[in-house]
Amino acid sequence: MDFLEAYQQLVLAESESAVSYTLKEAFLALRQVAESNKCDDSNELF
């Protein structure tokens, strides 16, 4: 998830003119899904 951390920092640091607020919201929503799936996958191992 290091890539997602770095990408999130870059996306959120950009001004509104470079990266729209809607895109930032979408990225964060996708990030939440990725994190929740990561937790779900680890539970299946046990």
PDB file of N, CA and C in Angstrom:
ATOM      1  N   MET A   1       0.818  -1.205   0.000  1.00  0.00           N
ATOM      2  CA  MET A   1       0.000   0.000   0.000  1.00  0.00           C
ATOM      3  C   MET A   1       0.863   1.272   0.000  1.00  0.00           C
ATOM      4  N   ASP A   2       2.174   1.107  -0.073  1.00  0.00           N
ATOM      5  CA  ASP A   2       3.046   2.286  -0.101  1.00  0.00           C
ATOM      6  C   ASP A   2       2.736   3.171  -1.298  1.00  0.00           C
ATOM      7  N   PHE A   3       2.421   2.541  -2.429  1.00  0.00           N
ATOM      8  CA  PHE A   3       2.082   3.305  -3.627  1.00  0.00           C
ATOM      9  C   PHE A   3       0.850   4.162  -3.376  1.00  0.00           C
ATOM     10  N   LEU A   4      -0.183   3.579  -2.765  1.00  0.00           N
ATOM     11  CA  LEU A   4      -1.408   4.334  -2.489  1.00  0.00           C
ATOM     12  C   LEU A   4      -1.152   5.497  -1.544  1.00  0.00           C
ATOM     13  N   GLU A   5      -0.300   5.288  -0.562  1.00  0.00           N
ATOM     14  CA  GLU A   5       0.040   6.374   0.366  1.00  0.00           C
ATOM     15  C   GLU A   5       0.695   7.536  -0.386  1.00  0.00           C
ATOM     16  N   ALA A   6       1.679   7.217  -1.208  1.00  0.00           N
ATOM     17  CA  ALA A   6       2.394   8.246  -1.962  1.00  0.00           C
ATOM     18  C   ALA A   6       1.460   8.954  -2.939  1.00  0.00           C
ATOM     19  N   TYR A   7       0.636   8.174  -3.639  1.00  0.00           N
ATOM     20  CA  TYR A   7      -0.285   8.754  -4.619  1.00  0.00           C
ATOM     21  C   TYR A   7      -1.307   9.643  -3.931  1.00  0.00           C
ATOM     22  N   GLN A   8      -1.810   9.194  -2.787  1.00  0.00           N
ATOM     23  CA  GLN A   8      -2.781   9.993  -2.040  1.00  0.00           C
ATOM     24  C   GLN A   8      -2.170  11.325  -1.628  1.00  0.00           C
ATOM     25  N   GLN A   9      -0.964  11.318  -1.151  1.00  0.00           N
ATOM     26  CA  GLN A   9      -0.301  12.564  -0.763  1.00  0.00           C
ATOM     27  C   GLN A   9      -0.180  13.508  -1.948  1.00  0.00           C
ATOM     28  N   LEU A  10       0.202  12.972  -3.106  1.00  0.00           N
ATOM     29  CA  LEU A  10       0.335  13.813  -4.295  1.00  0.00           C
ATOM     30  C   LEU A  10      -1.006  14.381  -4.739  1.00  0.00           C
ATOM     31  N   VAL A  11      -2.030  13.531  -4.779  1.00  0.00           N
ATOM     32  CA  VAL A  11      -3.353  13.965  -5.244  1.00  0.00           C
ATOM     33  C   VAL A  11      -3.926  15.030  -4.315  1.00  0.00           C
ATOM     34  N   LEU A  12      -3.863  14.778  -3.029  1.00  0.00           N
ATOM     35  CA  LEU A  12      -4.471  15.712  -2.079  1.00  0.00           C
ATOM     36  C   LEU A  12      -3.687  17.020  -1.965  1.00  0.00           C
ATOM     37  N   ALA A  13      -2.410  16.982  -2.298  1.00  0.00           N
ATOM     38  CA  ALA A  13      -1.591  18.191  -2.215  1.00  0.00           C
ATOM     39  C   ALA A  13      -1.807  19.131  -3.396  1.00  0.00           C
ATOM     40  N   GLU A  14      -2.320  18.597  -4.502  1.00  0.00           N
ATOM     41  CA  GLU A  14      -2.524  19.425  -5.698  1.00  0.00           C
ATOM     42  C   GLU A  14      -3.671  20.407  -5.498  1.00  0.00           C
ATOM     43  N   SER A  15      -3.547  21.535  -6.130  1.00  0.00           N
ATOM     44  CA  SER A  15      -4.597  22.550  -6.042  1.00  0.00           C
ATOM     45  C   SER A  15      -5.842  22.103  -6.794  1.00  0.00           C
ATOM     46  N   GLU A  16      -6.945  22.775  -6.546  1.00  0.00           N
ATOM     47  CA  GLU A  16      -8.222  22.447  -7.187  1.00  0.00           C
ATOM     48  C   GLU A  16      -8.125  22.548  -8.707  1.00  0.00           C
ATOM     49  N   SER A  17      -7.306  23.450  -9.204  1.00  0.00           N
ATOM     50  CA  SER A  17      -7.198  23.604 -10.649  1.00  0.00           C
ATOM     51  C   SER A  17      -6.481  22.421 -11.303  1.00  0.00           C
ATOM     52  N   ALA A  18      -5.605  21.756 -10.559  1.00  0.00           N
ATOM     53  CA  ALA A  18      -4.871  20.622 -11.116  1.00  0.00           C
ATOM     54  C   ALA A  18      -5.627  19.306 -10.938  1.00  0.00           C
ATOM     55  N   VAL A  19      -6.256  19.128  -9.783  1.00  0.00           N
ATOM     56  CA  VAL A  19      -7.011  17.907  -9.480  1.00  0.00           C
ATOM     57  C   VAL A  19      -8.333  18.331  -8.864  1.00  0.00           C
ATOM     58  N   SER A  20      -9.420  17.989  -9.523  1.00  0.00           N
ATOM     59  CA  SER A  20     -10.729  18.437  -9.037  1.00  0.00           C
ATOM     60  C   SER A  20     -11.091  17.785  -7.710  1.00  0.00           C
ATOM     61  N   TYR A  21     -11.938  18.465  -6.972  1.00  0.00           N
ATOM     62  CA  TYR A  21     -12.414  17.963  -5.689  1.00  0.00           C
ATOM     63  C   TYR A  21     -13.143  16.631  -5.879  1.00  0.00           C
ATOM     64  N   THR A  22     -13.896  16.507  -6.960  1.00  0.00           N
ATOM     65  CA  THR A  22     -14.625  15.275  -7.249  1.00  0.00           C
ATOM     66  C   THR A  22     -13.664  14.105  -7.420  1.00  0.00           C
ATOM     67  N   LEU A  23     -12.554  14.336  -8.115  1.00  0.00           N
ATOM     68  CA  LEU A  23     -11.564  13.283  -8.295  1.00  0.00           C
ATOM     69  C   LEU A  23     -10.923  12.907  -6.966  1.00  0.00           C
ATOM     70  N   LYS A  24     -10.656  13.892  -6.133  1.00  0.00           N
ATOM     71  CA  LYS A  24     -10.095  13.608  -4.810  1.00  0.00           C
ATOM     72  C   LYS A  24     -11.059  12.764  -3.988  1.00  0.00           C
ATOM     73  N   GLU A  25     -12.348  13.096  -4.028  1.00  0.00           N
ATOM     74  CA  GLU A  25     -13.353  12.308  -3.306  1.00  0.00           C
ATOM     75  C   GLU A  25     -13.400  10.882  -3.826  1.00  0.00           C
ATOM     76  N   ALA A  26     -13.368  10.727  -5.144  1.00  0.00           N
ATOM     77  CA  ALA A  26     -13.416   9.395  -5.751  1.00  0.00           C
ATOM     78  C   ALA A  26     -12.193   8.575  -5.345  1.00  0.00           C
ATOM     79  N   PHE A  27     -11.029   9.196  -5.341  1.00  0.00           N
ATOM     80  CA  PHE A  27      -9.821   8.486  -4.947  1.00  0.00           C
ATOM     81  C   PHE A  27      -9.926   8.012  -3.503  1.00  0.00           C
ATOM     82  N   LEU A  28     -10.400   8.881  -2.621  1.00  0.00           N
ATOM     83  CA  LEU A  28     -10.512   8.493  -1.217  1.00  0.00           C
ATOM     84  C   LEU A  28     -11.541   7.386  -1.009  1.00  0.00           C
ATOM     85  N   ALA A  29     -12.616   7.404  -1.787  1.00  0.00           N
ATOM     86  CA  ALA A  29     -13.617   6.335  -1.702  1.00  0.00           C
ATOM     87  C   ALA A  29     -13.010   5.012  -2.157  1.00  0.00           C
ATOM     88  N   LEU A  30     -12.265   5.041  -3.257  1.00  0.00           N
ATOM     89  CA  LEU A  30     -11.598   3.829  -3.731  1.00  0.00           C
ATOM     90  C   LEU A  30     -10.578   3.330  -2.719  1.00  0.00           C
ATOM     91  N   ARG A  31      -9.907   4.269  -2.093  1.00  0.00           N
ATOM     92  CA  ARG A  31      -8.914   3.900  -1.072  1.00  0.00           C
ATOM     93  C   ARG A  31      -9.579   3.193   0.099  1.00  0.00           C
ATOM     94  N   GLN A  32     -10.736   3.698   0.515  1.00  0.00           N
ATOM     95  CA  GLN A  32     -11.466   3.052   1.613  1.00  0.00           C
ATOM     96  C   GLN A  32     -11.860   1.627   1.241  1.00  0.00           C
ATOM     97  N   VAL A  33     -12.321   1.428   0.017  1.00  0.00           N
ATOM     98  CA  VAL A  33     -12.702   0.091  -0.437  1.00  0.00           C
ATOM     99  C   VAL A  33     -11.477  -0.825  -0.451  1.00  0.00           C
ATOM    100  N   ALA A  34     -10.359  -0.320  -0.948  1.00  0.00           N
ATOM    101  CA  ALA A  34      -9.132  -1.119  -0.993  1.00  0.00           C
ATOM    102  C   ALA A  34      -8.708  -1.517   0.414  1.00  0.00           C
ATOM    103  N   GLU A  35      -8.787  -0.594   1.343  1.00  0.00           N
ATOM    104  CA  GLU A  35      -8.413  -0.891   2.732  1.00  0.00           C
ATOM    105  C   GLU A  35      -9.362  -1.909   3.348  1.00  0.00           C
ATOM    106  N   SER A  36     -10.664  -1.767   3.107  1.00  0.00           N
ATOM    107  CA  SER A  36     -11.619  -2.702   3.699  1.00  0.00           C
ATOM    108  C   SER A  36     -11.475  -4.091   3.084  1.00  0.00           C
ATOM    109  N   ASN A  37     -11.181  -4.159   1.784  1.00  0.00           N
ATOM    110  CA  ASN A  37     -10.953  -5.453   1.144  1.00  0.00           C
ATOM    111  C   ASN A  37      -9.682  -6.104   1.665  1.00  0.00           C
ATOM    112  N   LYS A  38      -8.703  -5.299   1.965  1.00  0.00           N
ATOM    113  CA  LYS A  38      -7.453  -5.820   2.519  1.00  0.00           C
ATOM    114  C   LYS A  38      -7.735  -6.482   3.859  1.00  0.00           C
ATOM    115  N   CYS A  39      -8.557  -5.874   4.682  1.00  0.00           N
ATOM    116  CA  CYS A  39      -8.914  -6.443   5.978  1.00  0.00           C
ATOM    117  C   CYS A  39      -9.753  -7.698   5.785  1.00  0.00           C
ATOM    118  N   ASP A  40     -10.702  -7.680   4.850  1.00  0.00           N
ATOM    119  CA  ASP A  40     -11.536  -8.845   4.590  1.00  0.00           C
ATOM    120  C   ASP A  40     -10.700 -10.027   4.121  1.00  0.00           C
ATOM    121  N   ASP A  41      -9.727  -9.775   3.251  1.00  0.00           N
ATOM    122  CA  ASP A  41      -8.881 -10.848   2.734  1.00  0.00           C
ATOM    123  C   ASP A  41      -8.049 -11.472   3.843  1.00  0.00           C
ATOM    124  N   SER A  42      -7.565 -10.677   4.776  1.00  0.00           N
ATOM    125  CA  SER A  42      -6.741 -11.222   5.850  1.00  0.00           C
ATOM    126  C   SER A  42      -7.576 -12.082   6.790  1.00  0.00           C
ATOM    127  N   ASN A  43      -8.863 -11.792   6.938  1.00  0.00           N
ATOM    128  CA  ASN A  43      -9.725 -12.600   7.785  1.00  0.00           C
ATOM    129  C   ASN A  43      -9.985 -13.969   7.172  1.00  0.00           C
ATOM    130  N   GLU A  44      -9.950 -14.060   5.852  1.00  0.00           N
ATOM    131  CA  GLU A  44     -10.224 -15.323   5.184  1.00  0.00           C
ATOM    132  C   GLU A  44      -9.077 -16.322   5.359  1.00  0.00           C
ATOM    133  N   LEU A  45      -7.917 -15.844   5.730  1.00  0.00           N
ATOM    134  CA  LEU A  45      -6.783 -16.729   5.885  1.00  0.00           C
ATOM    135  C   LEU A  45      -6.906 -17.602   7.120  1.00  0.00           C
ATOM    136  N   PHE A  46      -7.720 -17.205   8.060  1.00  0.00           N
ATOM    137  CA  PHE A  46      -7.842 -17.947   9.322  1.00  0.00           C
ATOM    138  C   PHE A  46      -9.110 -18.719   9.410  1.00  0.00           C
TER     139      PHE A  46
END
